[in-house]
């Protein structure tokens, strides 16, 4: 029987390949995990226990998926990254310093139950939810 545990990886297709990699590393705090050849067009970024794969639509693998997603036709509704506990105002300021528009923090239900989260868009228009890891109480 299959019992999902966590997100392993997500794949984002883009025509802003290097800029999207920079966004997830410089703004969101991911680290470079693995790069393929430029012609293949796949970079994998470490996000805690998960990976975010960035695929260049002009590369060998990206061409298989058709044209780049647009603001009216993204290939992902949103995905949620659990991040270390944060001060809401500090996180908002950090994102705004990088030119990121932010929503209001709200209580939302996720894999660990109710918790505070915020929605943003990455530079390619993908919706991203940033959610605090809920610390267990013993």
Protein backbone atom coordinates (compact mmCIF):
# COMPACT_ATOMS: atom_id res chain seq x y z
CA UNK A 1 0.00 0.00 0.00
CA UNK A 2 1.23 3.50 -0.82
CA UNK A 3 1.51 5.96 2.10
CA UNK A 4 2.80 9.40 1.04
CA UNK A 5 5.13 11.02 3.57
CA UNK A 6 6.39 14.33 2.10
CA UNK A 7 6.99 16.12 -1.17
CA UNK A 8 10.08 14.66 -2.87
CA UNK A 9 10.40 17.27 -5.60
CA UNK A 10 8.50 19.64 -7.83
CA UNK A 11 9.41 20.59 -11.39
CA UNK A 12 9.00 24.18 -12.58
CA UNK A 13 9.31 24.91 -16.30
CA UNK A 14 10.45 28.41 -17.25
CA UNK A 15 11.83 30.67 -19.95
CA UNK A 16 13.68 32.59 -17.18
CA UNK A 17 16.02 29.75 -16.28
CA UNK A 18 18.98 31.46 -14.57
CA UNK A 19 16.82 34.16 -12.98
CA UNK A 20 14.46 31.58 -11.46
CA UNK A 21 17.42 29.61 -10.06
CA UNK A 22 18.76 32.83 -8.52
CA UNK A 23 15.34 33.64 -7.02
CA UNK A 24 15.04 30.29 -5.26
CA UNK A 25 18.64 30.42 -4.00
CA UNK A 26 19.01 34.12 -3.14
CA UNK A 27 15.50 34.93 -1.90
CA UNK A 28 14.03 31.62 -0.71
CA UNK A 29 17.30 30.10 0.61
CA UNK A 30 17.56 26.92 -1.46
CA UNK A 31 20.99 25.54 -2.33
CA UNK A 32 22.35 24.07 -5.53
CA UNK A 33 22.05 20.28 -5.48
CA UNK A 34 22.86 19.25 -9.05
CA UNK A 35 23.25 20.79 -12.50
CA UNK A 36 23.01 19.11 -15.87
CA UNK A 37 24.53 20.33 -19.10
CA UNK A 38 23.26 23.66 -20.40
CA UNK A 39 21.76 21.96 -23.45
CA UNK A 40 19.79 19.54 -21.25
CA UNK A 41 18.51 22.44 -19.11
CA UNK A 42 17.82 21.01 -15.65
CA UNK A 43 19.04 22.36 -12.31
CA UNK A 44 18.02 20.78 -9.02
CA UNK A 45 17.85 22.88 -5.87
CA UNK A 46 17.77 21.55 -2.31
CA UNK A 47 14.80 22.74 -0.21
CA UNK A 48 15.21 20.90 3.10
CA UNK A 49 14.32 17.25 2.47
CA UNK A 50 12.86 18.07 -0.94
CA UNK A 51 14.07 19.26 -4.31
CA UNK A 52 12.86 21.98 -6.65
CA UNK A 53 13.80 21.17 -10.23
CA UNK A 54 14.09 24.14 -12.57
CA UNK A 55 13.70 23.21 -16.24
CA UNK A 56 14.65 25.54 -19.09
CA UNK A 57 11.90 25.33 -21.74
CA UNK A 58 14.61 25.88 -24.38
CA UNK A 59 16.65 22.88 -23.18
CA UNK A 60 16.36 19.28 -24.33
CA UNK A 61 14.08 18.20 -21.47
CA UNK A 62 12.07 21.44 -21.47
CA UNK A 63 11.17 21.22 -25.14
CA UNK A 64 9.28 18.00 -24.42
CA UNK A 65 6.69 19.97 -22.39
CA UNK A 66 5.79 22.56 -25.00
CA UNK A 67 5.91 26.34 -24.61
CA UNK A 68 6.69 28.15 -21.37
CA UNK A 69 3.88 28.64 -18.84
CA UNK A 70 2.36 32.14 -18.75
CA UNK A 71 0.50 34.22 -16.18
CA UNK A 72 -2.79 32.87 -17.58
CA UNK A 73 -1.62 29.29 -17.96
CA UNK A 74 0.85 28.14 -15.30
CA UNK A 75 1.51 24.43 -15.12
CA UNK A 76 1.31 24.45 -11.28
CA UNK A 77 -1.42 26.07 -9.12
CA UNK A 78 0.89 26.45 -6.13
CA UNK A 79 3.21 24.45 -3.96
CA UNK A 80 3.97 24.82 -0.30
CA UNK A 81 7.43 24.88 1.24
CA UNK A 82 7.71 24.21 4.94
CA UNK A 83 10.33 26.60 6.29
CA UNK A 84 11.94 27.00 9.68
CA UNK A 85 9.89 28.99 12.20
CA UNK A 86 10.02 32.69 11.37
CA UNK A 87 9.12 36.14 12.59
CA UNK A 88 6.34 37.29 10.27
CA UNK A 89 7.53 40.89 10.01
CA UNK A 90 11.14 39.86 9.31
CA UNK A 91 10.02 37.45 6.59
CA UNK A 92 7.74 40.08 5.03
CA UNK A 93 10.59 42.64 5.05
CA UNK A 94 13.04 40.13 3.54
CA UNK A 95 10.68 39.31 0.69
CA UNK A 96 9.78 42.95 0.03
CA UNK A 97 13.49 43.90 -0.05
CA UNK A 98 13.76 41.45 -2.97
CA UNK A 99 10.79 43.02 -4.74
CA UNK A 100 8.40 40.18 -3.90
CA UNK A 101 4.73 41.03 -3.39
CA UNK A 102 3.32 39.29 -0.35
CA UNK A 103 -0.16 38.33 0.79
CA UNK A 104 -1.37 38.52 4.37
CA UNK A 105 -0.32 35.83 6.82
CA UNK A 106 -3.21 33.52 7.62
CA UNK A 107 -3.96 30.34 9.49
CA UNK A 108 -4.26 27.59 6.88
CA UNK A 109 -4.56 23.84 7.00
CA UNK A 110 -1.64 21.77 5.70
CA UNK A 111 0.10 18.45 6.16
CA UNK A 112 0.91 19.23 9.82
CA UNK A 113 -2.48 20.74 10.66
CA UNK A 114 -3.26 24.43 11.09
CA UNK A 115 -0.37 26.87 10.80
CA UNK A 116 0.60 30.37 9.67
CA UNK A 117 1.54 30.85 6.05
CA UNK A 118 1.91 33.46 3.35
CA UNK A 119 1.49 33.32 -0.43
CA UNK A 120 3.95 34.86 -2.88
CA UNK A 121 4.75 34.55 -6.57
CA UNK A 122 8.19 33.64 -7.83
CA UNK A 123 9.63 35.60 -10.74
CA UNK A 124 8.11 33.19 -13.28
CA UNK A 125 4.60 33.68 -11.87
CA UNK A 126 4.40 30.40 -9.93
CA UNK A 127 2.38 30.62 -6.72
CA UNK A 128 4.36 29.60 -3.66
CA UNK A 129 3.10 29.16 -0.10
CA UNK A 130 5.68 29.59 2.67
CA UNK A 131 4.60 27.81 5.82
CA UNK A 132 6.30 27.48 9.19
CA UNK A 133 7.24 24.00 10.33
CA UNK A 134 5.02 23.27 13.29
CA UNK A 135 7.17 22.45 16.29
CA UNK A 136 5.99 19.39 18.16
CA UNK A 137 5.19 19.72 21.84
CA UNK A 138 6.40 16.86 24.05
